[in-house]
Amino acid sequence: MNILEIYNKYHLPENLQMHMLRVAACSNLIIDNWVGNELDKNAIIRVCLLHDMGNIVKIPEDFSNDNEFIAIRKRYFDKYGTNDHEINLEIGKIEGLSDKELIILDGKRSRKNEQTLNSGSYEIKICAYCDQRVAPDGVVDLKTRLEDAKVRYKDKPLSVWSNEEKANHLIDCALGIEKQVMENSSIEPEDINDENIERFIEQLRKYEI
């Protein structure tokens, strides 16, 4: 099934669709300029395209006055529960992600940056890195993106980003992941930007999962 058909099947809002397309496009740019050991390229793209399918439950109800959106969000709660990460894994499995791809999806979370930094999996490193480069409005530099996470989640006590010490450690690990990825790529972090990923976004709109 085409990725846009999957997004529409789950009634995802446009901004959430674009986030996943941008993350996948960033990974595609890295893959095209990879000089390191062989990668499972398809796994990286598939995980990036499906990595936030459950994030609709994180969108506040007052995000939209659209009764249809509120009803869709409620159906998610009724069917999958309220844990966005568990929903990401469940929908990923439903849409055909392999066991290996589900491990990548589970491992790429920012809260696992230390494990990712120490991991031998560049599939996890690339997925984690690209997700952490994409802000709601587009691609930004890594430190800016993660410093913003500290601000956005500072009042959410269950978030790892609400703890200054833990958050700073996660940022340090993220910068270490960036260094590892760039050491195996012929591009620099600044080359990963909205202009350079645009052509990949157009290609990925036609991607068959």
C-alpha atoms as a PDB file:
ATOM      1  CA  MET A   1       0.000   0.000   0.000  1.00  0.00           C
ATOM      2  CA  ASN A   2       1.205   3.524  -0.781  1.00  0.00           C
ATOM      3  CA  ILE A   3       2.388   5.435   2.294  1.00  0.00           C
ATOM      4  CA  LEU A   4      -0.113   8.266   1.733  1.00  0.00           C
ATOM      5  CA  GLU A   5      -2.909   5.691   1.574  1.00  0.00           C
ATOM      6  CA  ILE A   6      -1.716   4.358   4.944  1.00  0.00           C
ATOM      7  CA  TYR A   7      -1.652   7.855   6.430  1.00  0.00           C
ATOM      8  CA  ASN A   8      -5.175   8.491   5.156  1.00  0.00           C
ATOM      9  CA  LYS A   9      -6.337   5.104   6.418  1.00  0.00           C
ATOM     10  CA  TYR A  10      -5.406   6.222   9.936  1.00  0.00           C
ATOM     11  CA  HIS A  11      -6.744   9.769   9.378  1.00  0.00           C
ATOM     12  CA  LEU A  12      -3.445  11.409  10.270  1.00  0.00           C
ATOM     13  CA  PRO A  13      -3.317  15.213  10.170  1.00  0.00           C
ATOM     14  CA  GLU A  14      -1.131  16.812   7.515  1.00  0.00           C
ATOM     15  CA  ASN A  15       1.510  18.086   9.957  1.00  0.00           C
ATOM     16  CA  LEU A  16       2.083  14.572  11.336  1.00  0.00           C
ATOM     17  CA  GLN A  17       2.325  13.132   7.835  1.00  0.00           C
ATOM     18  CA  MET A  18       4.874  15.784   6.876  1.00  0.00           C
ATOM     19  CA  HIS A  19       6.969  15.101   9.959  1.00  0.00           C
ATOM     20  CA  MET A  20       7.361  11.437   9.041  1.00  0.00           C
ATOM     21  CA  LEU A  21       8.019  12.247   5.372  1.00  0.00           C
ATOM     22  CA  ARG A  22      10.725  14.753   6.363  1.00  0.00           C
ATOM     23  CA  VAL A  23      12.395  12.293   8.736  1.00  0.00           C
ATOM     24  CA  ALA A  24      12.396   9.620   6.027  1.00  0.00           C
ATOM     25  CA  ALA A  25      13.720  12.150   3.501  1.00  0.00           C
ATOM     26  CA  CYS A  26      16.595  13.102   5.831  1.00  0.00           C
ATOM     27  CA  SER A  27      17.483   9.433   6.160  1.00  0.00           C
ATOM     28  CA  ASN A  28      17.280   9.050   2.383  1.00  0.00           C
ATOM     29  CA  LEU A  29      19.772  11.901   1.950  1.00  0.00           C
ATOM     30  CA  ILE A  30      22.182  10.230   4.379  1.00  0.00           C
ATOM     31  CA  ILE A  31      21.748   6.840   2.687  1.00  0.00           C
ATOM     32  CA  ASP A  32      22.544   8.370  -0.712  1.00  0.00           C
ATOM     33  CA  ASN A  33      25.789   9.773   0.713  1.00  0.00           C
ATOM     34  CA  TRP A  34      26.766   6.816   2.913  1.00  0.00           C
ATOM     35  CA  VAL A  35      30.382   5.620   2.811  1.00  0.00           C
ATOM     36  CA  GLY A  36      30.295   3.319   5.838  1.00  0.00           C
ATOM     37  CA  ASN A  37      29.425  -0.350   6.154  1.00  0.00           C
ATOM     38  CA  GLU A  38      26.400  -1.693   4.308  1.00  0.00           C
ATOM     39  CA  LEU A  39      23.024  -0.552   5.613  1.00  0.00           C
ATOM     40  CA  ASP A  40      19.561  -2.077   5.533  1.00  0.00           C
ATOM     41  CA  LYS A  41      18.281   0.901   3.582  1.00  0.00           C
ATOM     42  CA  ASN A  42      14.713  -0.309   3.196  1.00  0.00           C
ATOM     43  CA  ALA A  43      14.399  -0.883   6.943  1.00  0.00           C
ATOM     44  CA  ILE A  44      15.517   2.677   7.667  1.00  0.00           C
ATOM     45  CA  ILE A  45      13.046   4.225   5.219  1.00  0.00           C
ATOM     46  CA  ARG A  46      10.137   2.019   6.316  1.00  0.00           C
ATOM     47  CA  VAL A  47      10.708   2.741  10.004  1.00  0.00           C
ATOM     48  CA  CYS A  48      11.019   6.484   9.413  1.00  0.00           C
ATOM     49  CA  LEU A  49       7.830   6.583   7.347  1.00  0.00           C
ATOM     50  CA  LEU A  50       5.825   4.839  10.088  1.00  0.00           C
ATOM     51  CA  HIS A  51       7.611   5.902  13.263  1.00  0.00           C
ATOM     52  CA  ASP A  52       5.005   8.302  14.698  1.00  0.00           C
ATOM     53  CA  MET A  53       1.708   6.717  13.626  1.00  0.00           C
ATOM     54  CA  GLY A  54       0.455   6.832  17.210  1.00  0.00           C
ATOM     55  CA  ASN A  55       1.310  10.447  17.883  1.00  0.00           C
ATOM     56  CA  ILE A  56      -2.237  11.549  17.171  1.00  0.00           C
ATOM     57  CA  VAL A  57      -3.010  10.640  20.798  1.00  0.00           C
ATOM     58  CA  LYS A  58      -0.465  13.256  21.933  1.00  0.00           C
ATOM     59  CA  ILE A  59      -2.170  16.057  20.021  1.00  0.00           C
ATOM     60  CA  PRO A  60      -4.276  18.107  22.488  1.00  0.00           C
ATOM     61  CA  GLU A  61      -8.004  18.032  21.918  1.00  0.00           C
ATOM     62  CA  ASP A  62      -8.028  21.818  21.617  1.00  0.00           C
ATOM     63  CA  PHE A  63      -5.564  21.540  18.693  1.00  0.00           C
ATOM     64  CA  SER A  64      -8.598  21.506  16.437  1.00  0.00           C
ATOM     65  CA  ASN A  65     -12.228  22.490  16.796  1.00  0.00           C
ATOM     66  CA  ASP A  66     -12.997  19.878  14.176  1.00  0.00           C
ATOM     67  CA  ASN A  67     -15.412  17.367  15.662  1.00  0.00           C
ATOM     68  CA  GLU A  68     -14.197  14.745  13.197  1.00  0.00           C
ATOM     69  CA  PHE A  69     -10.618  15.045  14.509  1.00  0.00           C
ATOM     70  CA  ILE A  70     -11.835  14.735  18.102  1.00  0.00           C
ATOM     71  CA  ALA A  71     -13.830  11.629  17.159  1.00  0.00           C
ATOM     72  CA  ILE A  72     -10.823  10.072  15.377  1.00  0.00           C
ATOM     73  CA  ARG A  73      -8.629  10.722  18.404  1.00  0.00           C
ATOM     74  CA  LYS A  74     -11.209   9.056  20.663  1.00  0.00           C
ATOM     75  CA  ARG A  75     -11.314   6.001  18.397  1.00  0.00           C
ATOM     76  CA  TYR A  76      -7.532   5.712  18.788  1.00  0.00           C
ATOM     77  CA  PHE A  77      -7.908   5.790  22.576  1.00  0.00           C
ATOM     78  CA  ASP A  78     -10.646   3.150  22.469  1.00  0.00           C
ATOM     79  CA  LYS A  79      -8.759   0.839  20.097  1.00  0.00           C
ATOM     80  CA  TYR A  80      -5.099   1.263  21.073  1.00  0.00           C
ATOM     81  CA  GLY A  81      -4.969   2.995  24.462  1.00  0.00           C
ATOM     82  CA  THR A  82      -3.100   6.214  25.273  1.00  0.00           C
ATOM     83  CA  ASN A  83       0.593   5.234  25.054  1.00  0.00           C
ATOM     84  CA  ASP A  84       1.842   6.722  21.794  1.00  0.00           C
ATOM     85  CA  HIS A  85       4.967   4.541  21.631  1.00  0.00           C
ATOM     86  CA  GLU A  86       3.011   1.323  22.101  1.00  0.00           C
ATOM     87  CA  ILE A  87       0.619   2.497  19.389  1.00  0.00           C
ATOM     88  CA  ASN A  88       3.567   3.230  17.067  1.00  0.00           C
ATOM     89  CA  LEU A  89       4.770  -0.348  17.529  1.00  0.00           C
ATOM     90  CA  GLU A  90       1.293  -1.837  17.151  1.00  0.00           C
ATOM     91  CA  ILE A  91       0.496   0.014  13.937  1.00  0.00           C
ATOM     92  CA  GLY A  92       3.992  -0.648  12.613  1.00  0.00           C
ATOM     93  CA  LYS A  93       3.380  -4.359  13.129  1.00  0.00           C
ATOM     94  CA  ILE A  94      -0.061  -4.160  11.512  1.00  0.00           C
ATOM     95  CA  GLU A  95       1.411  -2.397   8.479  1.00  0.00           C
ATOM     96  CA  GLY A  96       4.081  -5.045   7.993  1.00  0.00           C
ATOM     97  CA  LEU A  97       7.233  -3.949   9.787  1.00  0.00           C
ATOM     98  CA  SER A  98       9.497  -6.937  10.381  1.00  0.00           C
ATOM     99  CA  ASP A  99      10.820  -7.948  13.805  1.00  0.00           C
ATOM    100  CA  LYS A 100      14.117  -6.262  12.932  1.00  0.00           C
ATOM    101  CA  GLU A 101      12.323  -3.070  11.901  1.00  0.00           C
ATOM    102  CA  LEU A 102      10.260  -3.066  15.105  1.00  0.00           C
ATOM    103  CA  ILE A 103      13.506  -3.307  17.106  1.00  0.00           C
ATOM    104  CA  ILE A 104      14.797  -0.260  15.204  1.00  0.00           C
ATOM    105  CA  LEU A 105      11.525   1.580  15.847  1.00  0.00           C
ATOM    106  CA  ASP A 106      11.687   0.795  19.550  1.00  0.00           C
ATOM    107  CA  GLY A 107      15.383   1.650  19.821  1.00  0.00           C
ATOM    108  CA  LYS A 108      15.390   4.983  18.006  1.00  0.00           C
ATOM    109  CA  ARG A 109      13.605   6.960  20.735  1.00  0.00           C
ATOM    110  CA  SER A 110      15.445   9.979  22.101  1.00  0.00           C
ATOM    111  CA  ARG A 111      15.154   8.632  25.641  1.00  0.00           C
ATOM    112  CA  LYS A 112      17.437   5.799  24.455  1.00  0.00           C
ATOM    113  CA  ASN A 113      20.144   8.074  23.036  1.00  0.00           C
ATOM    114  CA  GLU A 114      22.803   6.633  25.337  1.00  0.00           C
ATOM    115  CA  GLN A 115      22.031   3.074  24.194  1.00  0.00           C
ATOM    116  CA  THR A 116      21.914   4.241  20.587  1.00  0.00           C
ATOM    117  CA  LEU A 117      25.285   5.949  20.900  1.00  0.00           C
ATOM    118  CA  ASN A 118      26.800   2.701  22.192  1.00  0.00           C
ATOM    119  CA  SER A 119      24.920   0.502  19.730  1.00  0.00           C
ATOM    120  CA  GLY A 120      26.502  -1.097  16.700  1.00  0.00           C
ATOM    121  CA  SER A 121      23.336  -0.501  14.646  1.00  0.00           C
ATOM    122  CA  TYR A 122      23.650   2.380  12.222  1.00  0.00           C
ATOM    123  CA  GLU A 123      20.057   1.764  11.204  1.00  0.00           C
ATOM    124  CA  ILE A 124      18.986   2.797  14.712  1.00  0.00           C
ATOM    125  CA  LYS A 125      21.495   5.674  14.793  1.00  0.00           C
ATOM    126  CA  ILE A 126      20.262   7.129  11.473  1.00  0.00           C
ATOM    127  CA  CYS A 127      16.575   6.808  12.377  1.00  0.00           C
ATOM    128  CA  ALA A 128      17.160   8.397  15.791  1.00  0.00           C
ATOM    129  CA  TYR A 129      19.310  11.180  14.384  1.00  0.00           C
ATOM    130  CA  CYS A 130      16.937  12.113  11.579  1.00  0.00           C
ATOM    131  CA  ASP A 131      13.912  12.167  13.872  1.00  0.00           C
ATOM    132  CA  GLN A 132      15.767  14.488  16.239  1.00  0.00           C
ATOM    133  CA  ARG A 133      16.665  16.846  13.387  1.00  0.00           C
ATOM    134  CA  VAL A 134      13.060  17.467  12.316  1.00  0.00           C
ATOM    135  CA  ALA A 135      11.076  20.111  14.190  1.00  0.00           C
ATOM    136  CA  PRO A 136       7.338  20.688  13.591  1.00  0.00           C
ATOM    137  CA  ASP A 137       8.051  23.219  10.839  1.00  0.00           C
ATOM    138  CA  GLY A 138      11.019  21.557   9.169  1.00  0.00           C
ATOM    139  CA  VAL A 139      14.646  20.542   9.554  1.00  0.00           C
ATOM    140  CA  VAL A 140      16.742  22.356  12.161  1.00  0.00           C
ATOM    141  CA  ASP A 141      20.165  21.814  13.685  1.00  0.00           C
ATOM    142  CA  LEU A 142      20.307  19.094  16.317  1.00  0.00           C
ATOM    143  CA  LYS A 143      21.113  21.160  19.411  1.00  0.00           C
ATOM    144  CA  THR A 144      18.372  23.695  18.623  1.00  0.00           C
ATOM    145  CA  ARG A 145      15.833  20.914  18.249  1.00  0.00           C
ATOM    146  CA  LEU A 146      16.725  19.213  21.514  1.00  0.00           C
ATOM    147  CA  GLU A 147      17.071  22.398  23.540  1.00  0.00           C
ATOM    148  CA  ASP A 148      13.529  23.161  22.382  1.00  0.00           C
ATOM    149  CA  ALA A 149      12.437  19.735  23.695  1.00  0.00           C
ATOM    150  CA  LYS A 150      13.724  20.726  27.134  1.00  0.00           C
ATOM    151  CA  VAL A 151      11.495  23.805  27.054  1.00  0.00           C
ATOM    152  CA  ARG A 152       8.424  22.022  25.682  1.00  0.00           C
ATOM    153  CA  TYR A 153       8.520  19.158  28.175  1.00  0.00           C
ATOM    154  CA  LYS A 154       9.869  20.926  31.261  1.00  0.00           C
ATOM    155  CA  ASP A 155       6.450  20.859  32.957  1.00  0.00           C
ATOM    156  CA  LYS A 156       5.810  17.180  32.192  1.00  0.00           C
ATOM    157  CA  PRO A 157       7.283  15.333  35.190  1.00  0.00           C
ATOM    158  CA  LEU A 158       7.202  11.893  33.536  1.00  0.00           C
ATOM    159  CA  SER A 159       9.275  13.094  30.574  1.00  0.00           C
ATOM    160  CA  VAL A 160      13.045  12.499  30.601  1.00  0.00           C
ATOM    161  CA  TRP A 161      13.340  15.992  29.104  1.00  0.00           C
ATOM    162  CA  SER A 162      11.872  17.583  32.245  1.00  0.00           C
ATOM    163  CA  ASN A 163      15.039  16.712  34.190  1.00  0.00           C
ATOM    164  CA  GLU A 164      17.816  19.168  33.315  1.00  0.00           C
ATOM    165  CA  GLU A 165      20.679  16.776  34.040  1.00  0.00           C
ATOM    166  CA  LYS A 166      19.149  13.867  32.122  1.00  0.00           C
ATOM    167  CA  ALA A 167      18.155  16.128  29.239  1.00  0.00           C
ATOM    168  CA  ASN A 168      21.673  17.531  28.902  1.00  0.00           C
ATOM    169  CA  HIS A 169      23.072  13.991  28.902  1.00  0.00           C
ATOM    170  CA  LEU A 170      20.654  12.973  26.138  1.00  0.00           C
ATOM    171  CA  ILE A 171      21.732  16.012  24.101  1.00  0.00           C
ATOM    172  CA  ASP A 172      25.403  15.094  24.540  1.00  0.00           C
ATOM    173  CA  CYS A 173      24.615  11.550  23.390  1.00  0.00           C
ATOM    174  CA  ALA A 174      22.657  12.889  20.405  1.00  0.00           C
ATOM    175  CA  LEU A 175      25.631  15.005  19.359  1.00  0.00           C
ATOM    176  CA  GLY A 176      27.785  11.884  19.665  1.00  0.00           C
ATOM    177  CA  ILE A 177      25.366   9.992  17.406  1.00  0.00           C
ATOM    178  CA  GLU A 178      25.527  12.833  14.885  1.00  0.00           C
ATOM    179  CA  LYS A 179      29.344  12.598  14.885  1.00  0.00           C
ATOM    180  CA  GLN A 180      29.195   8.831  14.304  1.00  0.00           C
ATOM    181  CA  VAL A 181      26.756   9.177  11.420  1.00  0.00           C
ATOM    182  CA  MET A 182      28.660  12.013   9.777  1.00  0.00           C
ATOM    183  CA  GLU A 183      31.952  10.109  10.024  1.00  0.00           C
ATOM    184  CA  ASN A 184      30.371   7.519   7.742  1.00  0.00           C
ATOM    185  CA  SER A 185      28.827  10.004   5.331  1.00  0.00           C
ATOM    186  CA  SER A 186      30.168  12.305   2.628  1.00  0.00           C
ATOM    187  CA  ILE A 187      27.928  15.184   3.758  1.00  0.00           C
ATOM    188  CA  GLU A 188      27.956  17.535   6.750  1.00  0.00           C
ATOM    189  CA  PRO A 189      25.125  18.245   9.217  1.00  0.00           C
ATOM    190  CA  GLU A 190      24.361  21.579   7.544  1.00  0.00           C
ATOM    191  CA  ASP A 191      23.741  19.751   4.248  1.00  0.00           C
ATOM    192  CA  ILE A 192      20.705  18.143   5.846  1.00  0.00           C
ATOM    193  CA  ASN A 193      18.164  20.902   5.331  1.00  0.00           C
ATOM    194  CA  ASP A 194      14.690  21.477   3.904  1.00  0.00           C
ATOM    195  CA  GLU A 195      15.978  22.401   0.466  1.00  0.00           C
ATOM    196  CA  ASN A 196      18.103  19.294   0.068  1.00  0.00           C
ATOM    197  CA  ILE A 197      15.428  16.846   1.228  1.00  0.00           C
ATOM    198  CA  GLU A 198      12.587  18.249  -0.889  1.00  0.00           C
ATOM    199  CA  ARG A 199      13.182  15.900  -3.835  1.00  0.00           C
ATOM    200  CA  PHE A 200      13.151  12.885  -1.525  1.00  0.00           C
ATOM    201  CA  ILE A 201       9.825  13.945  -0.016  1.00  0.00           C
ATOM    202  CA  GLU A 202       8.251  13.923  -3.467  1.00  0.00           C
ATOM    203  CA  GLN A 203       9.661  10.449  -4.150  1.00  0.00           C
ATOM    204  CA  LEU A 204       8.565   9.114  -0.774  1.00  0.00           C
ATOM    205  CA  ARG A 205       4.964  10.181  -1.312  1.00  0.00           C
ATOM    206  CA  LYS A 206       4.854   7.286  -3.805  1.00  0.00           C
ATOM    207  CA  TYR A 207       6.607   4.770  -1.532  1.00  0.00           C
ATOM    208  CA  GLU A 208       4.964   1.364  -1.259  1.00  0.00           C
ATOM    209  CA  ILE A 209       5.074  -0.177   2.204  1.00  0.00           C
END
